N, C-alpha and C. Protein backbone atom coordinates (compact mmCIF):
# COMPACT_ATOMS: atom_id res chain seq x y z
N UNK A 1 -8.00 -8.97 -2.30
CA UNK A 1 -7.02 -8.46 -3.34
C UNK A 1 -7.70 -7.73 -4.43
N UNK A 2 -7.35 -6.47 -4.57
CA UNK A 2 -8.13 -5.77 -5.56
C UNK A 2 -7.64 -6.24 -6.95
N UNK A 3 -8.62 -6.24 -7.94
CA UNK A 3 -8.44 -6.72 -9.23
C UNK A 3 -7.34 -5.84 -9.78
N UNK A 4 -7.32 -4.55 -9.53
CA UNK A 4 -6.28 -3.75 -10.15
C UNK A 4 -5.24 -3.16 -9.01
N UNK A 5 -5.09 -3.92 -8.11
CA UNK A 5 -4.14 -3.54 -7.16
C UNK A 5 -2.71 -3.97 -7.34
N UNK A 6 -1.99 -3.77 -6.19
CA UNK A 6 -0.40 -4.04 -6.16
C UNK A 6 -0.22 -5.55 -6.36
N UNK A 7 -1.09 -6.53 -5.86
CA UNK A 7 -0.71 -7.89 -6.17
C UNK A 7 -0.81 -8.19 -7.49
N UNK A 8 -1.96 -7.74 -7.98
CA UNK A 8 -2.26 -7.97 -9.48
C UNK A 8 -1.10 -7.52 -10.55
N UNK A 9 -0.73 -6.25 -10.19
CA UNK A 9 0.28 -5.76 -10.91
C UNK A 9 1.60 -6.55 -10.73
N UNK A 10 2.00 -7.04 -9.65
CA UNK A 10 3.10 -7.66 -9.42
C UNK A 10 2.99 -8.91 -10.33
N UNK A 11 1.83 -9.72 -10.20
CA UNK A 11 1.80 -10.97 -10.92
C UNK A 11 2.01 -10.76 -12.32
N UNK A 12 1.43 -9.65 -12.90
CA UNK A 12 1.68 -9.20 -14.30
C UNK A 12 2.92 -9.09 -14.72
N UNK A 13 3.85 -8.26 -13.87
CA UNK A 13 5.02 -8.12 -14.08
C UNK A 13 5.87 -9.36 -14.19
N UNK A 14 5.59 -10.23 -13.26
CA UNK A 14 6.44 -11.62 -13.22
C UNK A 14 6.13 -12.42 -14.38
N UNK A 15 4.71 -12.33 -14.86
CA UNK A 15 4.31 -13.01 -15.85
C UNK A 15 4.99 -12.67 -17.20
N UNK A 16 5.11 -11.30 -17.43
CA UNK A 16 5.68 -10.83 -18.62
C UNK A 16 7.10 -10.73 -18.70
N UNK A 17 7.79 -10.55 -17.42
CA UNK A 17 9.12 -10.29 -17.26
C UNK A 17 9.92 -11.37 -16.52
N UNK A 18 10.81 -12.08 -17.16
CA UNK A 18 11.46 -13.23 -16.58
C UNK A 18 12.69 -12.76 -15.98
N UNK A 19 13.44 -11.77 -16.54
CA UNK A 19 14.75 -11.26 -16.07
C UNK A 19 14.70 -10.56 -14.71
N UNK A 20 15.54 -11.02 -13.84
CA UNK A 20 15.50 -10.47 -12.49
C UNK A 20 15.76 -8.99 -12.39
N UNK A 21 16.64 -8.51 -13.17
CA UNK A 21 17.08 -7.21 -12.99
C UNK A 21 15.95 -6.23 -13.40
N UNK A 22 15.17 -6.55 -14.44
CA UNK A 22 13.98 -5.79 -15.01
C UNK A 22 13.05 -5.81 -14.06
N UNK A 23 12.69 -6.95 -13.40
CA UNK A 23 11.60 -7.14 -12.28
C UNK A 23 12.06 -6.07 -11.12
N UNK A 24 13.32 -6.22 -10.70
CA UNK A 24 13.68 -5.44 -9.64
C UNK A 24 13.58 -3.85 -9.92
N UNK A 25 13.83 -3.67 -11.17
CA UNK A 25 13.59 -2.10 -11.65
C UNK A 25 12.27 -1.79 -11.49
N UNK A 26 11.30 -2.59 -11.95
CA UNK A 26 9.89 -2.25 -11.83
C UNK A 26 9.58 -2.07 -10.30
N UNK A 27 10.08 -3.05 -9.47
CA UNK A 27 9.80 -2.82 -7.98
C UNK A 27 10.33 -1.57 -7.38
N UNK A 28 11.55 -1.25 -7.81
CA UNK A 28 12.17 -0.01 -7.20
C UNK A 28 11.49 1.23 -7.66
N UNK A 29 11.03 1.19 -8.98
CA UNK A 29 10.27 2.55 -9.50
C UNK A 29 8.81 2.59 -8.77
N UNK A 30 8.37 1.24 -8.59
CA UNK A 30 7.19 1.30 -7.78
C UNK A 30 7.05 1.83 -6.43
N UNK A 31 8.34 1.61 -5.76
CA UNK A 31 8.38 1.94 -4.37
C UNK A 31 8.53 3.59 -4.27
N UNK A 32 9.43 4.04 -5.33
CA UNK A 32 9.73 5.59 -5.23
C UNK A 32 8.31 6.24 -5.78
N UNK A 33 7.77 5.76 -6.80
CA UNK A 33 6.53 6.42 -7.27
C UNK A 33 5.39 6.32 -6.18
N UNK A 34 5.25 5.14 -5.53
CA UNK A 34 4.27 5.04 -4.38
C UNK A 34 4.46 6.15 -3.30
N UNK A 35 5.77 6.30 -3.08
CA UNK A 35 6.22 7.27 -2.04
C UNK A 35 5.66 8.73 -2.19
N UNK A 36 5.59 9.02 -3.59
CA UNK A 36 5.15 10.36 -3.97
C UNK A 36 3.49 10.22 -4.00
N UNK A 37 3.01 9.11 -4.16
CA UNK A 37 1.52 9.08 -4.03
C UNK A 37 1.00 9.19 -2.58
N UNK A 38 1.89 8.62 -1.71
CA UNK A 38 1.64 8.81 -0.25
C UNK A 38 1.71 10.27 0.17
N UNK A 39 2.82 11.01 -0.21
CA UNK A 39 3.01 12.37 0.12
C UNK A 39 1.89 13.26 -0.59
N UNK A 40 1.37 12.94 -1.86
CA UNK A 40 0.36 13.70 -2.34
C UNK A 40 -0.91 13.52 -1.62
N UNK A 41 -1.25 12.22 -1.27
CA UNK A 41 -2.44 11.92 -0.45
C UNK A 41 -2.43 12.80 0.85
N UNK A 42 -1.25 12.82 1.40
CA UNK A 42 -1.16 13.55 2.78
C UNK A 42 -1.40 15.11 2.48
N UNK A 43 -0.89 15.55 1.33
CA UNK A 43 -0.94 16.99 0.93
C UNK A 43 -2.62 17.21 0.80
N UNK A 44 -3.27 16.27 0.21
CA UNK A 44 -4.76 16.47 -0.04
C UNK A 44 -5.61 16.32 1.18
N UNK A 45 -4.82 15.83 2.24
CA UNK A 45 -5.66 15.73 3.50
C UNK A 45 -6.24 14.29 3.66
N UNK A 46 -5.85 13.36 2.85
CA UNK A 46 -6.54 11.98 2.88
C UNK A 46 -5.72 11.06 3.90
N UNK A 47 -6.58 10.33 4.64
CA UNK A 47 -5.95 9.42 5.70
C UNK A 47 -6.48 8.10 5.51
N UNK A 48 -5.83 7.05 6.20
CA UNK A 48 -6.24 5.81 6.31
C UNK A 48 -6.53 5.18 4.91
N UNK A 49 -7.62 4.38 4.82
CA UNK A 49 -7.96 3.62 3.60
C UNK A 49 -8.12 4.54 2.44
N UNK A 50 -8.54 5.69 2.71
CA UNK A 50 -8.67 6.64 1.43
C UNK A 50 -7.24 7.00 0.83
N UNK A 51 -6.30 7.36 1.83
CA UNK A 51 -4.80 7.51 1.27
C UNK A 51 -4.16 6.37 0.74
N UNK A 52 -4.50 5.14 1.38
CA UNK A 52 -3.91 3.89 0.66
C UNK A 52 -4.52 3.69 -0.78
N UNK A 53 -5.82 3.97 -0.88
CA UNK A 53 -6.36 3.89 -2.14
C UNK A 53 -5.90 4.67 -3.27
N UNK A 54 -5.52 5.98 -2.78
CA UNK A 54 -5.00 7.03 -3.69
C UNK A 54 -3.55 6.68 -4.08
N UNK A 55 -2.86 6.04 -3.12
CA UNK A 55 -1.41 5.75 -3.43
C UNK A 55 -1.27 4.47 -4.38
N UNK A 56 -2.19 3.59 -4.23
CA UNK A 56 -2.04 2.26 -4.91
C UNK A 56 -1.70 2.39 -6.42
N UNK A 57 -2.52 3.09 -7.09
CA UNK A 57 -2.29 3.36 -8.55
C UNK A 57 -0.91 3.85 -8.98
N UNK A 58 -0.26 4.43 -8.00
CA UNK A 58 1.20 4.91 -8.11
C UNK A 58 1.93 3.68 -8.03
N UNK A 59 1.81 2.96 -7.14
CA UNK A 59 2.56 1.56 -7.02
C UNK A 59 2.31 0.71 -8.14
N UNK A 60 1.36 0.59 -8.69
CA UNK A 60 0.94 -0.34 -9.77
C UNK A 60 1.48 0.25 -11.06
N UNK A 61 1.51 1.65 -11.36
CA UNK A 61 2.15 2.23 -12.50
C UNK A 61 3.63 1.81 -12.63
N UNK A 62 4.18 2.02 -11.31
CA UNK A 62 5.79 1.71 -11.36
C UNK A 62 5.94 0.14 -11.67
N UNK A 63 5.19 -0.62 -11.18
CA UNK A 63 5.35 -1.98 -11.37
C UNK A 63 5.14 -2.46 -12.82
N UNK A 64 4.21 -1.81 -13.45
CA UNK A 64 3.72 -2.15 -14.94
C UNK A 64 4.39 -1.31 -15.89
N UNK A 65 5.25 -0.29 -15.71
CA UNK A 65 5.56 0.68 -16.68
C UNK A 65 6.49 0.08 -17.71
N UNK A 66 7.23 -0.99 -17.45
CA UNK A 66 8.14 -1.60 -18.29
C UNK A 66 7.81 -3.09 -18.40
N UNK A 67 6.63 -3.45 -18.01
CA UNK A 67 6.12 -4.86 -18.19
C UNK A 67 6.46 -5.62 -19.46
N UNK A 68 6.21 -4.93 -20.52
CA UNK A 68 6.34 -5.30 -21.95
C UNK A 68 7.77 -5.31 -22.54
N UNK A 69 8.65 -4.62 -21.74
CA UNK A 69 9.97 -4.27 -22.32
C UNK A 69 10.75 -5.54 -22.76
N UNK A 70 10.68 -6.51 -22.00
CA UNK A 70 11.61 -7.69 -22.18
C UNK A 70 11.09 -8.32 -23.67
N UNK A 71 9.87 -8.45 -23.92
CA UNK A 71 9.32 -9.07 -24.86
C UNK A 71 9.20 -8.12 -26.06
N UNK A 72 8.97 -6.81 -25.84
CA UNK A 72 8.81 -5.79 -26.84
C UNK A 72 9.59 -4.62 -26.72
N UNK A 73 11.01 -4.69 -26.92
CA UNK A 73 11.81 -3.58 -26.57
C UNK A 73 11.87 -2.40 -27.46
N UNK A 74 11.33 -2.58 -28.73
CA UNK A 74 11.34 -1.66 -29.77
C UNK A 74 10.50 -0.22 -29.33
N UNK A 75 11.05 0.81 -30.00
CA UNK A 75 10.26 2.12 -29.73
C UNK A 75 8.91 1.97 -30.36
N UNK A 76 8.73 1.11 -31.19
CA UNK A 76 7.27 0.85 -31.90
C UNK A 76 6.35 0.10 -31.04
N UNK A 77 6.86 -0.69 -30.12
CA UNK A 77 6.01 -1.49 -29.33
C UNK A 77 6.05 -1.22 -27.89
N UNK A 78 7.08 -0.79 -27.37
CA UNK A 78 7.11 -0.44 -25.99
C UNK A 78 6.87 0.93 -25.69
N UNK A 79 5.90 1.49 -24.90
CA UNK A 79 5.11 0.63 -23.79
C UNK A 79 3.61 0.22 -24.36
N UNK A 80 3.49 0.44 -25.79
CA UNK A 80 2.14 0.41 -26.43
C UNK A 80 1.54 -1.11 -26.21
N UNK A 81 2.32 -1.98 -26.44
CA UNK A 81 1.80 -3.46 -26.29
C UNK A 81 1.31 -3.68 -24.86
N UNK A 82 2.08 -3.41 -23.94
CA UNK A 82 1.78 -3.57 -22.67
C UNK A 82 0.40 -2.79 -22.16
N UNK A 83 0.49 -1.49 -22.58
CA UNK A 83 -0.83 -0.67 -22.22
C UNK A 83 -2.11 -1.34 -22.96
N UNK A 84 -1.82 -1.70 -24.31
CA UNK A 84 -3.14 -2.28 -25.03
C UNK A 84 -3.55 -3.53 -24.13
N UNK A 85 -2.64 -4.34 -23.73
CA UNK A 85 -2.98 -5.59 -22.84
C UNK A 85 -3.79 -5.10 -21.56
N UNK A 86 -3.29 -4.16 -20.85
CA UNK A 86 -3.68 -3.72 -19.61
C UNK A 86 -5.12 -3.10 -19.89
N UNK A 87 -5.32 -2.39 -21.00
CA UNK A 87 -6.54 -1.83 -21.41
C UNK A 87 -7.63 -2.95 -21.59
N UNK A 88 -7.22 -4.10 -22.16
CA UNK A 88 -8.16 -5.11 -22.38
C UNK A 88 -8.48 -5.85 -20.96
N UNK A 89 -7.70 -5.79 -20.09
CA UNK A 89 -7.94 -6.46 -18.71
C UNK A 89 -8.66 -5.39 -17.90
N UNK A 90 -9.01 -4.17 -18.30
CA UNK A 90 -9.88 -3.15 -17.66
C UNK A 90 -8.98 -2.24 -16.72
N UNK A 91 -7.66 -2.21 -16.71
CA UNK A 91 -6.97 -1.49 -15.89
C UNK A 91 -7.32 0.15 -15.97
N UNK A 92 -7.26 0.96 -14.91
CA UNK A 92 -7.70 2.36 -14.88
C UNK A 92 -6.90 3.23 -15.94
N UNK A 93 -7.56 4.00 -16.59
CA UNK A 93 -6.99 4.87 -17.60
C UNK A 93 -5.80 5.68 -16.98
N UNK A 94 -6.00 6.09 -15.88
CA UNK A 94 -4.86 7.04 -14.95
C UNK A 94 -3.61 6.27 -15.15
N UNK A 95 -3.73 4.88 -14.84
CA UNK A 95 -2.34 4.16 -14.80
C UNK A 95 -1.78 3.95 -16.26
N UNK A 96 -2.73 3.68 -17.17
CA UNK A 96 -2.29 3.62 -18.38
C UNK A 96 -1.67 4.85 -19.06
N UNK A 97 -2.40 5.86 -18.73
CA UNK A 97 -1.85 7.32 -19.24
C UNK A 97 -0.40 7.69 -18.71
N UNK A 98 -0.29 7.14 -17.36
CA UNK A 98 1.05 7.48 -16.79
C UNK A 98 2.04 6.64 -17.38
N UNK A 99 1.79 5.29 -17.76
CA UNK A 99 2.73 4.38 -18.51
C UNK A 99 3.20 4.96 -19.86
N UNK A 100 2.20 5.43 -20.46
CA UNK A 100 2.49 5.90 -21.85
C UNK A 100 3.32 7.31 -21.73
N UNK A 101 2.94 8.05 -20.84
CA UNK A 101 3.69 9.37 -20.72
C UNK A 101 5.04 9.17 -20.19
N UNK A 102 5.37 8.02 -19.58
CA UNK A 102 6.77 7.93 -19.10
C UNK A 102 7.82 7.74 -20.23
N UNK A 103 7.09 7.49 -21.59
CA UNK A 103 7.93 7.34 -22.74
C UNK A 103 8.09 8.68 -23.52
N UNK A 104 9.19 9.38 -23.63
CA UNK A 104 9.25 10.60 -24.38
C UNK A 104 8.60 10.50 -25.76
N UNK A 105 8.70 9.46 -26.43
CA UNK A 105 8.39 9.41 -27.84
C UNK A 105 6.95 9.00 -28.10
N UNK A 106 6.15 8.66 -26.99
CA UNK A 106 4.76 8.27 -27.07
C UNK A 106 3.71 9.43 -27.54
N UNK A 107 4.17 10.62 -27.29
CA UNK A 107 3.25 11.75 -27.77
C UNK A 107 2.37 12.03 -26.58
N UNK A 108 2.31 11.42 -25.44
CA UNK A 108 1.39 11.64 -24.29
C UNK A 108 2.03 12.42 -23.36
N UNK A 109 1.23 13.57 -23.00
CA UNK A 109 1.72 14.57 -22.06
C UNK A 109 1.73 13.98 -20.67
N UNK A 110 2.59 14.61 -19.86
CA UNK A 110 2.72 14.29 -18.46
C UNK A 110 1.66 15.43 -17.64
N UNK A 111 0.51 15.05 -17.56
CA UNK A 111 -0.49 15.98 -16.98
C UNK A 111 -0.79 15.74 -15.52
N UNK A 112 -0.97 14.53 -15.11
CA UNK A 112 -1.47 14.23 -13.66
C UNK A 112 -0.13 14.14 -12.80
N UNK A 113 -0.39 14.29 -11.56
CA UNK A 113 0.51 14.10 -10.58
C UNK A 113 1.35 12.62 -10.68
N UNK A 114 0.40 11.82 -10.93
CA UNK A 114 0.91 10.33 -11.13
C UNK A 114 1.85 10.44 -12.35
N UNK A 115 1.47 10.84 -13.54
CA UNK A 115 2.26 10.92 -14.68
C UNK A 115 3.74 11.51 -14.46
N UNK A 116 3.69 12.52 -13.67
CA UNK A 116 4.99 13.29 -13.27
C UNK A 116 5.83 12.41 -12.46
N UNK A 117 5.14 11.81 -11.46
CA UNK A 117 5.94 10.95 -10.43
C UNK A 117 6.52 9.74 -11.09
N UNK A 118 5.74 9.08 -11.82
CA UNK A 118 6.22 7.87 -12.58
C UNK A 118 7.60 8.34 -13.43
N UNK A 119 7.50 9.35 -14.19
CA UNK A 119 8.58 9.85 -15.08
C UNK A 119 9.80 10.20 -14.19
N UNK A 120 9.52 10.92 -13.03
CA UNK A 120 10.58 11.45 -12.27
C UNK A 120 11.42 10.34 -11.55
N UNK A 121 10.64 9.08 -11.22
CA UNK A 121 11.26 8.07 -10.45
C UNK A 121 11.88 7.04 -11.32
N UNK A 122 11.49 7.02 -12.56
CA UNK A 122 11.83 5.75 -13.42
C UNK A 122 13.42 5.81 -13.50
N UNK A 123 14.03 6.75 -13.99
CA UNK A 123 15.55 6.82 -14.14
C UNK A 123 16.22 6.73 -12.84
N UNK A 124 15.61 7.54 -11.93
CA UNK A 124 16.33 7.81 -10.49
C UNK A 124 16.38 6.36 -9.86
N UNK A 125 15.31 5.58 -9.88
CA UNK A 125 15.22 4.36 -9.22
C UNK A 125 16.48 3.57 -9.70
N UNK A 126 16.68 3.44 -11.00
CA UNK A 126 17.79 2.64 -11.67
C UNK A 126 19.12 3.25 -11.30
N UNK A 127 19.25 4.45 -11.11
CA UNK A 127 20.54 5.22 -10.61
C UNK A 127 20.91 4.86 -9.19
N UNK A 128 19.76 4.91 -8.42
CA UNK A 128 20.03 4.70 -7.05
C UNK A 128 20.45 3.22 -6.80
N UNK A 129 19.90 2.21 -7.57
CA UNK A 129 20.13 0.79 -7.59
C UNK A 129 21.59 0.74 -7.98
N UNK A 130 21.92 1.41 -8.94
CA UNK A 130 23.39 1.38 -9.34
C UNK A 130 24.44 1.81 -8.31
N UNK A 131 24.01 2.99 -7.67
CA UNK A 131 24.90 3.59 -6.59
C UNK A 131 24.91 2.56 -5.40
N UNK A 132 23.88 1.62 -5.19
CA UNK A 132 23.98 0.67 -4.08
C UNK A 132 24.84 -0.52 -4.61
N UNK A 133 24.78 -0.90 -5.85
CA UNK A 133 25.56 -2.08 -6.26
C UNK A 133 27.08 -1.90 -6.40
N UNK A 134 27.48 -0.76 -6.47
CA UNK A 134 28.91 -0.35 -6.43
C UNK A 134 29.59 -0.28 -5.09
N UNK A 135 28.73 -0.16 -4.16
CA UNK A 135 29.31 -0.43 -2.65
C UNK A 135 29.76 -1.69 -2.44
N UNK A 136 30.85 -1.93 -1.71
CA UNK A 136 31.35 -3.18 -1.25
C UNK A 136 30.32 -4.00 -0.78
N UNK A 137 29.39 -3.35 0.04
CA UNK A 137 28.35 -4.16 0.79
C UNK A 137 27.12 -4.31 -0.14
N UNK A 138 27.12 -3.81 -1.35
CA UNK A 138 25.82 -3.78 -2.34
C UNK A 138 24.57 -3.59 -1.58
N UNK A 139 24.78 -2.56 -0.67
CA UNK A 139 23.58 -2.18 0.11
C UNK A 139 23.15 -0.67 -0.04
N UNK A 140 21.89 -0.58 -0.40
CA UNK A 140 21.15 0.75 -0.48
C UNK A 140 21.22 1.60 0.84
N UNK A 141 21.32 0.80 2.01
CA UNK A 141 21.42 1.39 3.32
C UNK A 141 22.71 2.23 3.44
N UNK A 142 23.58 2.10 2.73
CA UNK A 142 24.95 2.82 2.86
C UNK A 142 24.96 4.05 1.78
N UNK A 143 23.91 4.21 1.00
CA UNK A 143 23.99 5.13 -0.09
C UNK A 143 23.56 6.44 0.66
N UNK A 144 24.33 7.59 0.22
CA UNK A 144 23.77 8.82 0.83
C UNK A 144 23.63 9.81 -0.38
N UNK A 145 22.69 10.81 -0.06
CA UNK A 145 22.32 11.79 -1.21
C UNK A 145 23.64 12.53 -1.66
N UNK A 146 24.45 12.84 -0.78
CA UNK A 146 25.69 13.52 -1.22
C UNK A 146 26.45 12.68 -2.35
N UNK A 147 26.52 11.36 -2.02
CA UNK A 147 27.40 10.39 -2.85
C UNK A 147 26.57 10.37 -4.24
N UNK A 148 25.22 10.30 -4.12
CA UNK A 148 24.35 10.30 -5.40
C UNK A 148 24.71 11.37 -6.26
N UNK A 149 24.65 12.67 -5.69
CA UNK A 149 24.89 13.80 -6.39
C UNK A 149 26.18 13.74 -7.15
N UNK A 150 27.20 13.30 -6.46
CA UNK A 150 28.55 13.22 -6.88
C UNK A 150 28.58 12.31 -8.22
N UNK A 151 27.93 11.13 -7.93
CA UNK A 151 27.85 10.11 -9.05
C UNK A 151 27.07 10.71 -10.29
N UNK A 152 26.07 11.57 -10.12
CA UNK A 152 25.35 12.07 -11.14
C UNK A 152 26.36 12.95 -12.05
N UNK A 153 27.28 13.54 -11.52
CA UNK A 153 28.34 14.34 -12.13
C UNK A 153 29.18 13.56 -12.89
N UNK A 154 29.46 12.23 -12.64
CA UNK A 154 30.32 11.38 -13.25
C UNK A 154 29.76 10.77 -14.45
N UNK A 155 30.10 11.21 -15.47
CA UNK A 155 29.32 10.78 -16.77
C UNK A 155 29.63 9.32 -17.18
N UNK A 156 30.76 8.75 -16.69
CA UNK A 156 31.21 7.36 -16.92
C UNK A 156 30.33 6.46 -16.04
N UNK A 157 29.83 6.94 -14.99
CA UNK A 157 28.96 5.95 -14.10
C UNK A 157 27.55 5.76 -14.58
N UNK A 158 27.19 4.62 -14.62
CA UNK A 158 25.89 4.28 -15.07
C UNK A 158 25.42 5.07 -16.20
N UNK A 159 26.21 5.16 -17.34
CA UNK A 159 26.03 6.02 -18.40
C UNK A 159 24.72 5.90 -19.09
N UNK A 160 24.02 4.91 -19.01
CA UNK A 160 22.65 4.61 -19.77
C UNK A 160 21.62 5.56 -18.99
N UNK A 161 21.89 5.98 -17.78
CA UNK A 161 20.96 6.63 -17.09
C UNK A 161 20.91 8.14 -17.53
N UNK A 162 19.75 8.57 -17.85
CA UNK A 162 19.53 9.99 -18.46
C UNK A 162 19.47 10.93 -17.30
N UNK A 163 20.58 11.63 -17.06
CA UNK A 163 20.55 12.47 -15.88
C UNK A 163 19.43 13.53 -16.09
N UNK A 164 19.20 13.96 -17.22
CA UNK A 164 18.27 15.11 -17.65
C UNK A 164 16.85 14.59 -17.21
N UNK A 165 16.51 13.37 -17.17
CA UNK A 165 15.28 12.83 -16.88
C UNK A 165 15.06 13.09 -15.33
N UNK A 166 16.31 12.76 -14.61
CA UNK A 166 16.23 12.84 -13.12
C UNK A 166 15.98 14.40 -12.61
N UNK A 167 16.71 15.16 -13.29
CA UNK A 167 16.52 16.74 -13.08
C UNK A 167 15.33 17.19 -13.57
N UNK A 168 14.88 16.97 -14.73
CA UNK A 168 13.53 17.17 -15.31
C UNK A 168 12.46 16.72 -14.51
N UNK A 169 12.56 15.56 -14.01
CA UNK A 169 11.42 14.90 -13.21
C UNK A 169 11.11 15.70 -11.93
N UNK A 170 12.32 16.08 -11.25
CA UNK A 170 12.21 16.86 -9.98
C UNK A 170 11.53 18.23 -10.42
N UNK A 171 11.91 18.77 -11.42
CA UNK A 171 11.33 20.13 -11.81
C UNK A 171 9.69 19.83 -12.19
N UNK A 172 9.45 18.81 -12.82
CA UNK A 172 8.07 18.59 -13.06
C UNK A 172 7.20 18.58 -11.74
N UNK A 173 7.87 17.82 -10.79
CA UNK A 173 7.06 17.70 -9.53
C UNK A 173 7.14 18.99 -8.63
N UNK A 174 7.97 19.91 -9.10
CA UNK A 174 8.14 21.14 -8.24
C UNK A 174 8.76 20.90 -6.97
N UNK A 175 9.84 19.92 -7.03
CA UNK A 175 10.64 19.58 -5.86
C UNK A 175 12.14 19.81 -6.31
N UNK A 176 12.72 20.39 -5.15
CA UNK A 176 14.30 20.74 -5.46
C UNK A 176 14.99 19.20 -5.64
N UNK A 177 15.84 19.37 -6.48
CA UNK A 177 16.61 18.00 -6.98
C UNK A 177 17.05 17.27 -5.65
N UNK A 178 17.76 17.96 -4.69
CA UNK A 178 18.20 17.18 -3.45
C UNK A 178 17.08 16.53 -2.81
N UNK A 179 15.99 17.12 -2.77
CA UNK A 179 14.90 16.47 -2.03
C UNK A 179 14.37 15.47 -2.72
N UNK A 180 14.24 15.57 -4.17
CA UNK A 180 13.78 14.34 -4.91
C UNK A 180 14.62 13.15 -4.61
N UNK A 181 16.03 13.38 -4.69
CA UNK A 181 17.02 12.12 -4.53
C UNK A 181 16.67 11.55 -3.13
N UNK A 182 16.61 12.47 -2.06
CA UNK A 182 16.36 11.99 -0.77
C UNK A 182 15.03 11.29 -0.61
N UNK A 183 13.91 11.86 -1.26
CA UNK A 183 12.69 11.10 -1.23
C UNK A 183 12.59 9.70 -1.70
N UNK A 184 13.25 9.60 -2.90
CA UNK A 184 13.32 8.21 -3.56
C UNK A 184 14.40 7.32 -2.60
N UNK A 185 15.52 7.78 -2.26
CA UNK A 185 16.50 7.19 -1.59
C UNK A 185 15.89 6.48 -0.26
N UNK A 186 15.17 7.48 0.51
CA UNK A 186 14.58 6.90 1.66
C UNK A 186 13.48 5.86 1.43
N UNK A 187 12.76 6.15 0.50
CA UNK A 187 11.60 4.97 0.17
C UNK A 187 12.32 3.78 -0.10
N UNK A 188 13.37 3.67 -0.99
CA UNK A 188 14.01 2.29 -1.23
C UNK A 188 14.72 1.84 -0.01
N UNK A 189 15.26 2.65 0.77
CA UNK A 189 15.94 2.26 1.93
C UNK A 189 14.89 1.50 2.93
N UNK A 190 13.71 2.08 2.97
CA UNK A 190 12.76 1.62 4.01
C UNK A 190 12.34 0.23 3.38
N UNK A 191 12.31 -0.16 2.08
CA UNK A 191 11.99 -1.39 1.63
C UNK A 191 13.13 -2.18 1.01
N UNK A 192 14.24 -1.99 1.56
CA UNK A 192 15.48 -2.52 0.93
C UNK A 192 15.40 -4.08 0.87
N UNK A 193 14.86 -4.76 1.88
CA UNK A 193 14.81 -6.12 1.84
C UNK A 193 14.00 -6.63 0.76
N UNK A 194 12.86 -6.06 0.43
CA UNK A 194 11.81 -6.30 -0.51
C UNK A 194 12.48 -6.14 -1.89
N UNK A 195 13.44 -5.25 -2.01
CA UNK A 195 14.21 -4.95 -3.30
C UNK A 195 15.36 -5.64 -3.53
N UNK A 196 15.80 -6.47 -2.54
CA UNK A 196 17.04 -7.16 -2.66
C UNK A 196 18.24 -6.33 -2.47
N UNK A 197 18.22 -5.32 -1.79
CA UNK A 197 19.17 -4.28 -1.83
C UNK A 197 19.70 -4.16 -0.34
N UNK A 198 19.61 -5.06 0.58
CA UNK A 198 20.14 -4.83 1.91
C UNK A 198 21.62 -5.15 1.91
N UNK A 199 21.97 -6.13 0.93
CA UNK A 199 23.45 -6.48 0.83
C UNK A 199 24.03 -6.95 1.99
N UNK A 200 25.24 -6.62 2.36
CA UNK A 200 25.88 -7.14 3.45
C UNK A 200 26.01 -6.06 4.58
N UNK A 201 25.07 -5.10 4.63
CA UNK A 201 25.23 -3.81 5.38
C UNK A 201 24.82 -4.41 6.75
N UNK A 202 25.44 -3.85 7.80
CA UNK A 202 25.13 -4.20 9.21
C UNK A 202 23.96 -3.26 9.49
N UNK A 203 22.85 -3.88 9.80
CA UNK A 203 21.70 -3.05 10.17
C UNK A 203 21.55 -2.93 11.50
N UNK A 204 21.76 -1.72 12.18
CA UNK A 204 21.77 -1.48 13.60
C UNK A 204 20.51 -0.86 14.06
């Protein structure tokens, strides 16, 4: 187990966050962000252990981006308290920078691919979860991109989710919106069980 790997990040999330929905949000964002890490590793020609090592900080940033939100939800404290704690523990600056950059008000620019991926996946992971939970089956496996696009236009649905962050995130990554929705949806579907989003869908 790496000191700054996925298991350590998950342990910190669980230590700082007791609410199940916020824990699940961290896990969903992690799954989506990691998927972009895997794609970027492939684009860079990395394989095997190198590719895994490249993508792991993406998974960790997703797990940790809201770790302090339950205890410190104010704009003055989140995500700064969490980042300060992670810095004391010696977590890599690339992960800390991405966590700071996901908050518009932090003043930290989205420079790296990791910064962009975390921002792009944060609101979308929450939105895809909401799309799953309104299905009678409560299953992400029954969510389709066309339905997600339709729900994005419905301002009354999951109104706390900032649509402009989803579209802006896709632009930041240089990916068409539909492709971005599909990338994150497929990533979450592949790990539906882990995310508690299999629901009552019949898996054939």
